[in-house]
Every structure is written in C-alpha cells, then in structure tokens.
Amino acid sequence: MAITVSAPAVGSFGFFLNGVSADASGVEKLKAVVAGKSIYIDHLTISSDAAISISIGEGETVPGTIDTVLLGPVPFAINQQMQWNFLNGGMKLTAATALVVEASGAGNINVFASGRIE
C-alpha cells in the first residue's frame, strides 16, 4: 500500500498531480494539507486495471479511513477509465484537509487531478 505522486509543472497557477499505486486499499494521500487554505479540484481522471471500487475524499483522521468521501465508491471494470470535470468553480475540500484516495482492493490505479489552492 503505497502511492507515488508526481507533480508536473503548470503554466501559470494551480497544480497537476499524477498518483500511481499497485494497492491503494489503505487511504493514500494525493495532495497534502495546506494550513488555512482549501484544495479545489477542477478535473479528475481515474483508471484501474482491476475490478475494484475507488473513492476520492478529504482527510484521514482515523488511519485507513477517509474522513469524508466526496466521490464514490465508484465501481471499476478491468482496464476502465473515468473522467470528471467539476464546473461552477471546482470541487472544494474543507479548509486544511488533504485530498485522498482509497480502493476496495489491490490493483494498479492511476489518479490524475488538476486544481488549485485558495
């Protein structure tokens, strides 16, 4: 249970992140907490090579449990990909909470997100 997160450079503001894991069955952090600020997600793409469910949420006060599930659990078929574009200003996380992912079991997943911190 480990995720590798890379952060490609952006043109002028915000962030891109690309998280890859072979087993996200424990809660994995995609974007760290920023004190006094909220993470806004504008775009999200998730892919999986396994038939598992994936949840996106905010925070992990109790280890292995998402504090608040924002999206999901979304069931995936083998080799499926889904995309979301959050209109009307993006999906806002509670201030000072991390963006996290959790899967229902082992399987290679990829999570790509773009957004901003305000």
N, C-alpha and C. Protein backbone atom coordinates (compact mmCIF):
# COMPACT_ATOMS: atom_id res chain seq x y z
N MET A 1 0.84 -1.17 0.00
CA MET A 1 0.00 0.00 0.00
C MET A 1 0.88 1.24 0.00
N ALA A 2 1.15 1.73 -1.17
CA ALA A 2 1.93 2.96 -1.31
C ALA A 2 1.56 3.60 -2.62
N ILE A 3 1.58 4.90 -2.62
CA ILE A 3 1.28 5.63 -3.85
C ILE A 3 2.47 6.51 -4.19
N THR A 4 2.76 6.61 -5.46
CA THR A 4 3.80 7.50 -5.94
C THR A 4 3.10 8.67 -6.62
N VAL A 5 3.35 9.87 -6.13
CA VAL A 5 2.69 11.06 -6.67
C VAL A 5 3.75 11.95 -7.30
N SER A 6 3.53 12.30 -8.56
CA SER A 6 4.39 13.27 -9.24
C SER A 6 3.55 14.51 -9.50
N ALA A 7 4.22 15.63 -9.66
CA ALA A 7 3.54 16.90 -9.86
C ALA A 7 4.12 17.61 -11.08
N PRO A 8 3.58 17.34 -12.28
CA PRO A 8 4.06 18.04 -13.47
C PRO A 8 3.91 19.56 -13.33
N ALA A 9 4.77 20.31 -13.97
CA ALA A 9 4.73 21.77 -13.91
C ALA A 9 3.46 22.31 -14.58
N VAL A 10 2.95 23.40 -14.04
CA VAL A 10 1.77 24.05 -14.62
C VAL A 10 2.20 25.36 -15.28
N GLY A 11 1.34 25.85 -16.18
CA GLY A 11 1.66 27.06 -16.93
C GLY A 11 1.67 28.32 -16.11
N SER A 12 0.61 28.58 -15.33
CA SER A 12 0.57 29.85 -14.61
C SER A 12 0.07 29.75 -13.17
N PHE A 13 -0.83 28.84 -12.85
CA PHE A 13 -1.28 28.72 -11.46
C PHE A 13 -1.90 27.34 -11.24
N GLY A 14 -2.08 26.98 -9.99
CA GLY A 14 -2.72 25.72 -9.66
C GLY A 14 -1.73 24.57 -9.62
N PHE A 15 -2.27 23.35 -9.74
CA PHE A 15 -1.44 22.17 -9.69
C PHE A 15 -1.98 21.07 -10.60
N PHE A 16 -1.07 20.20 -11.00
CA PHE A 16 -1.38 18.91 -11.60
C PHE A 16 -0.79 17.88 -10.66
N LEU A 17 -1.44 16.74 -10.52
CA LEU A 17 -0.82 15.64 -9.80
C LEU A 17 -1.18 14.34 -10.47
N ASN A 18 -0.26 13.42 -10.42
CA ASN A 18 -0.43 12.10 -11.02
C ASN A 18 -0.03 11.07 -9.98
N GLY A 19 -1.02 10.33 -9.47
CA GLY A 19 -0.75 9.32 -8.45
C GLY A 19 -0.92 7.92 -9.01
N VAL A 20 0.08 7.06 -8.76
CA VAL A 20 0.07 5.69 -9.27
C VAL A 20 0.30 4.74 -8.09
N SER A 21 -0.54 3.70 -7.99
CA SER A 21 -0.40 2.74 -6.91
C SER A 21 -0.81 1.35 -7.37
N ALA A 22 -0.12 0.33 -6.87
CA ALA A 22 -0.49 -1.06 -7.16
C ALA A 22 -1.48 -1.58 -6.13
N ASP A 23 -1.65 -0.84 -5.03
CA ASP A 23 -2.59 -1.26 -3.97
C ASP A 23 -2.92 -0.05 -3.11
N ALA A 24 -4.02 0.60 -3.41
CA ALA A 24 -4.46 1.77 -2.63
C ALA A 24 -5.58 1.37 -1.68
N SER A 25 -5.55 0.11 -1.20
CA SER A 25 -6.62 -0.36 -0.34
C SER A 25 -6.59 0.27 1.05
N GLY A 26 -5.51 0.93 1.39
CA GLY A 26 -5.47 1.80 2.56
C GLY A 26 -5.58 3.21 2.01
N VAL A 27 -5.95 4.15 2.82
CA VAL A 27 -6.08 5.52 2.35
C VAL A 27 -4.70 6.07 1.97
N GLU A 28 -4.62 6.66 0.79
CA GLU A 28 -3.36 7.22 0.29
C GLU A 28 -3.54 8.70 0.02
N LYS A 29 -2.57 9.50 0.43
CA LYS A 29 -2.63 10.96 0.27
C LYS A 29 -2.18 11.36 -1.13
N LEU A 30 -3.04 12.12 -1.81
CA LEU A 30 -2.71 12.64 -3.14
C LEU A 30 -2.16 14.06 -3.08
N LYS A 31 -2.79 14.89 -2.26
CA LYS A 31 -2.37 16.31 -2.13
C LYS A 31 -2.41 16.68 -0.66
N ALA A 32 -1.30 17.18 -0.16
CA ALA A 32 -1.16 17.46 1.26
C ALA A 32 -2.02 18.64 1.73
N VAL A 33 -2.22 18.66 3.02
CA VAL A 33 -2.94 19.74 3.70
C VAL A 33 -2.19 21.05 3.51
N VAL A 34 -2.95 22.13 3.32
CA VAL A 34 -2.38 23.47 3.30
C VAL A 34 -3.10 24.26 4.40
N ALA A 35 -2.38 24.67 5.42
CA ALA A 35 -2.99 25.34 6.57
C ALA A 35 -3.80 26.56 6.16
N GLY A 36 -5.06 26.61 6.60
CA GLY A 36 -5.92 27.75 6.34
C GLY A 36 -6.42 27.88 4.91
N LYS A 37 -6.10 26.94 4.06
CA LYS A 37 -6.49 27.00 2.64
C LYS A 37 -7.29 25.77 2.26
N SER A 38 -8.05 25.87 1.17
CA SER A 38 -8.80 24.74 0.64
C SER A 38 -8.23 24.29 -0.70
N ILE A 39 -8.29 22.99 -0.94
CA ILE A 39 -7.93 22.42 -2.23
C ILE A 39 -9.19 22.42 -3.09
N TYR A 40 -9.08 22.90 -4.31
CA TYR A 40 -10.17 22.87 -5.28
C TYR A 40 -9.76 21.94 -6.41
N ILE A 41 -10.61 20.98 -6.73
CA ILE A 41 -10.34 20.05 -7.83
C ILE A 41 -11.19 20.47 -9.03
N ASP A 42 -10.53 20.74 -10.15
CA ASP A 42 -11.23 21.13 -11.38
C ASP A 42 -11.41 19.94 -12.33
N HIS A 43 -10.46 19.02 -12.33
CA HIS A 43 -10.52 17.85 -13.22
C HIS A 43 -9.94 16.65 -12.50
N LEU A 44 -10.55 15.49 -12.76
CA LEU A 44 -10.09 14.24 -12.16
C LEU A 44 -10.26 13.12 -13.17
N THR A 45 -9.21 12.34 -13.36
CA THR A 45 -9.28 11.13 -14.19
C THR A 45 -8.76 9.98 -13.33
N ILE A 46 -9.52 8.89 -13.29
CA ILE A 46 -9.10 7.70 -12.54
C ILE A 46 -9.15 6.52 -13.49
N SER A 47 -8.10 5.69 -13.46
CA SER A 47 -8.11 4.45 -14.23
C SER A 47 -7.68 3.30 -13.33
N SER A 48 -8.16 2.11 -13.67
CA SER A 48 -7.84 0.92 -12.89
C SER A 48 -7.71 -0.28 -13.82
N ASP A 49 -6.74 -1.16 -13.52
CA ASP A 49 -6.63 -2.39 -14.31
C ASP A 49 -7.31 -3.57 -13.62
N ALA A 50 -8.02 -3.28 -12.51
CA ALA A 50 -8.69 -4.33 -11.74
C ALA A 50 -10.16 -3.97 -11.52
N ALA A 51 -10.95 -4.96 -11.25
CA ALA A 51 -12.37 -4.75 -10.94
C ALA A 51 -12.49 -4.43 -9.45
N ILE A 52 -12.30 -3.15 -9.12
CA ILE A 52 -12.36 -2.67 -7.74
C ILE A 52 -13.17 -1.39 -7.70
N SER A 53 -13.50 -0.94 -6.50
CA SER A 53 -14.16 0.36 -6.32
C SER A 53 -13.15 1.34 -5.78
N ILE A 54 -13.25 2.59 -6.23
CA ILE A 54 -12.31 3.63 -5.82
C ILE A 54 -13.09 4.81 -5.29
N SER A 55 -12.61 5.37 -4.17
CA SER A 55 -13.22 6.55 -3.56
C SER A 55 -12.20 7.67 -3.50
N ILE A 56 -12.68 8.88 -3.70
CA ILE A 56 -11.88 10.09 -3.53
C ILE A 56 -12.49 10.85 -2.36
N GLY A 57 -11.65 11.37 -1.50
CA GLY A 57 -12.20 12.07 -0.34
C GLY A 57 -11.24 13.07 0.23
N GLU A 58 -11.62 13.53 1.44
CA GLU A 58 -10.79 14.51 2.14
C GLU A 58 -10.49 14.01 3.55
N GLY A 59 -9.23 14.05 3.90
CA GLY A 59 -8.79 13.74 5.25
C GLY A 59 -8.74 12.28 5.63
N GLU A 60 -7.90 12.00 6.64
CA GLU A 60 -7.75 10.65 7.19
C GLU A 60 -7.38 10.79 8.66
N THR A 61 -8.38 11.11 9.51
CA THR A 61 -8.13 11.23 10.95
C THR A 61 -7.86 9.87 11.56
N VAL A 62 -8.70 8.88 11.22
CA VAL A 62 -8.50 7.50 11.66
C VAL A 62 -7.72 6.79 10.56
N PRO A 63 -6.54 6.24 10.86
CA PRO A 63 -5.74 5.59 9.82
C PRO A 63 -6.54 4.53 9.05
N GLY A 64 -6.47 4.62 7.72
CA GLY A 64 -7.15 3.66 6.86
C GLY A 64 -8.60 3.99 6.56
N THR A 65 -9.08 5.15 7.02
CA THR A 65 -10.48 5.54 6.79
C THR A 65 -10.54 6.98 6.28
N ILE A 66 -11.24 7.17 5.16
CA ILE A 66 -11.45 8.52 4.64
C ILE A 66 -12.42 9.25 5.57
N ASP A 67 -12.07 10.47 5.97
CA ASP A 67 -12.97 11.26 6.83
C ASP A 67 -14.28 11.55 6.13
N THR A 68 -14.21 12.09 4.91
CA THR A 68 -15.40 12.42 4.14
C THR A 68 -15.19 11.97 2.70
N VAL A 69 -16.01 11.04 2.25
CA VAL A 69 -15.95 10.58 0.86
C VAL A 69 -16.66 11.61 0.00
N LEU A 70 -15.98 12.13 -1.00
CA LEU A 70 -16.54 13.14 -1.90
C LEU A 70 -17.04 12.54 -3.20
N LEU A 71 -16.42 11.45 -3.62
CA LEU A 71 -16.77 10.81 -4.88
C LEU A 71 -16.57 9.31 -4.71
N GLY A 72 -17.64 8.56 -4.83
CA GLY A 72 -17.53 7.11 -4.74
C GLY A 72 -18.21 6.54 -3.52
N PRO A 73 -17.97 5.25 -3.33
CA PRO A 73 -17.08 4.41 -4.12
C PRO A 73 -17.61 4.19 -5.53
N VAL A 74 -16.73 4.37 -6.49
CA VAL A 74 -17.06 4.20 -7.90
C VAL A 74 -16.57 2.83 -8.34
N PRO A 75 -17.48 1.96 -8.84
CA PRO A 75 -17.05 0.63 -9.28
C PRO A 75 -16.36 0.70 -10.65
N PHE A 76 -15.22 0.03 -10.75
CA PHE A 76 -14.47 -0.02 -12.00
C PHE A 76 -14.45 -1.44 -12.54
N ALA A 77 -14.59 -1.57 -13.83
CA ALA A 77 -14.36 -2.83 -14.52
C ALA A 77 -12.86 -2.91 -14.83
N ILE A 78 -12.40 -4.06 -15.23
CA ILE A 78 -10.99 -4.21 -15.58
C ILE A 78 -10.63 -3.27 -16.73
N ASN A 79 -9.52 -2.55 -16.59
CA ASN A 79 -9.00 -1.61 -17.60
C ASN A 79 -9.98 -0.51 -17.96
N GLN A 80 -10.64 0.04 -16.96
CA GLN A 80 -11.60 1.13 -17.18
C GLN A 80 -11.02 2.46 -16.71
N GLN A 81 -11.47 3.52 -17.36
CA GLN A 81 -11.06 4.87 -17.01
C GLN A 81 -12.29 5.76 -16.94
N MET A 82 -12.33 6.67 -15.97
CA MET A 82 -13.42 7.64 -15.86
C MET A 82 -12.84 9.02 -15.64
N GLN A 83 -13.57 10.03 -16.16
CA GLN A 83 -13.13 11.42 -16.03
C GLN A 83 -14.26 12.27 -15.49
N TRP A 84 -13.90 13.27 -14.70
CA TRP A 84 -14.86 14.24 -14.19
C TRP A 84 -14.29 15.63 -14.39
N ASN A 85 -15.13 16.55 -14.83
CA ASN A 85 -14.80 17.98 -14.89
C ASN A 85 -15.77 18.67 -13.96
N PHE A 86 -15.24 19.31 -12.93
CA PHE A 86 -16.08 19.95 -11.93
C PHE A 86 -16.28 21.41 -12.30
N LEU A 87 -17.49 21.72 -12.71
CA LEU A 87 -17.84 23.07 -13.15
C LEU A 87 -18.22 23.93 -11.94
N ASN A 88 -18.58 25.17 -12.19
CA ASN A 88 -19.02 26.09 -11.14
C ASN A 88 -17.96 26.33 -10.08
N GLY A 89 -16.71 26.40 -10.47
CA GLY A 89 -15.65 26.73 -9.53
C GLY A 89 -14.88 25.56 -8.96
N GLY A 90 -15.21 24.34 -9.35
CA GLY A 90 -14.48 23.17 -8.88
C GLY A 90 -15.09 22.54 -7.65
N MET A 91 -14.55 21.38 -7.27
CA MET A 91 -14.97 20.68 -6.07
C MET A 91 -14.07 21.15 -4.93
N LYS A 92 -14.68 21.82 -3.94
CA LYS A 92 -13.92 22.42 -2.84
C LYS A 92 -13.83 21.46 -1.66
N LEU A 93 -12.61 21.24 -1.19
CA LEU A 93 -12.40 20.46 0.02
C LEU A 93 -12.44 21.39 1.23
N THR A 94 -12.79 20.85 2.36
CA THR A 94 -12.79 21.61 3.61
C THR A 94 -11.38 22.16 3.84
N ALA A 95 -11.31 23.37 4.36
CA ALA A 95 -10.01 24.00 4.61
C ALA A 95 -9.13 23.10 5.46
N ALA A 96 -7.86 23.07 5.15
CA ALA A 96 -6.83 22.34 5.88
C ALA A 96 -7.06 20.83 5.90
N THR A 97 -7.63 20.28 4.81
CA THR A 97 -7.74 18.82 4.70
C THR A 97 -7.05 18.35 3.42
N ALA A 98 -6.49 17.16 3.48
CA ALA A 98 -5.76 16.59 2.35
C ALA A 98 -6.72 15.90 1.38
N LEU A 99 -6.32 15.83 0.13
CA LEU A 99 -7.03 15.06 -0.89
C LEU A 99 -6.50 13.63 -0.82
N VAL A 100 -7.42 12.65 -0.69
CA VAL A 100 -7.01 11.26 -0.52
C VAL A 100 -7.77 10.33 -1.46
N VAL A 101 -7.23 9.12 -1.64
CA VAL A 101 -7.85 8.09 -2.47
C VAL A 101 -7.83 6.78 -1.69
N GLU A 102 -8.83 5.93 -1.94
CA GLU A 102 -8.87 4.60 -1.35
C GLU A 102 -9.51 3.64 -2.34
N ALA A 103 -8.96 2.43 -2.43
CA ALA A 103 -9.51 1.39 -3.30
C ALA A 103 -10.00 0.23 -2.45
N SER A 104 -10.95 -0.53 -2.99
CA SER A 104 -11.52 -1.65 -2.25
C SER A 104 -10.62 -2.88 -2.23
N GLY A 105 -9.54 -2.86 -3.01
CA GLY A 105 -8.62 -3.99 -3.04
C GLY A 105 -7.40 -3.66 -3.88
N ALA A 106 -6.55 -4.65 -4.05
CA ALA A 106 -5.33 -4.46 -4.83
C ALA A 106 -5.65 -4.33 -6.31
N GLY A 107 -4.83 -3.60 -7.01
CA GLY A 107 -4.95 -3.39 -8.44
C GLY A 107 -4.26 -2.10 -8.80
N ASN A 108 -3.66 -2.04 -9.97
CA ASN A 108 -2.97 -0.83 -10.40
C ASN A 108 -3.98 0.27 -10.70
N ILE A 109 -3.82 1.41 -10.02
CA ILE A 109 -4.67 2.56 -10.30
C ILE A 109 -3.80 3.75 -10.66
N ASN A 110 -4.41 4.68 -11.37
CA ASN A 110 -3.78 5.94 -11.70
C ASN A 110 -4.82 7.02 -11.46
N VAL A 111 -4.44 8.05 -10.71
CA VAL A 111 -5.31 9.19 -10.46
C VAL A 111 -4.60 10.44 -10.94
N PHE A 112 -5.22 11.15 -11.88
CA PHE A 112 -4.69 12.42 -12.35
C PHE A 112 -5.68 13.50 -11.93
N ALA A 113 -5.18 14.55 -11.30
CA ALA A 113 -6.05 15.65 -10.86
C ALA A 113 -5.40 16.97 -11.22
N SER A 114 -6.24 17.96 -11.49
CA SER A 114 -5.77 19.33 -11.64
C SER A 114 -6.67 20.22 -10.80
N GLY A 115 -6.10 21.24 -10.27
CA GLY A 115 -6.87 22.14 -9.43
C GLY A 115 -6.02 23.28 -8.93
N ARG A 116 -6.43 23.81 -7.77
CA ARG A 116 -5.75 24.98 -7.22
C ARG A 116 -5.93 25.01 -5.70
N ILE A 117 -5.15 25.83 -5.05
CA ILE A 117 -5.23 26.05 -3.61
C ILE A 117 -5.63 27.50 -3.38
N GLU A 118 -6.67 27.71 -2.61
CA GLU A 118 -7.09 29.09 -2.31
C GLU A 118 -7.44 29.21 -0.84
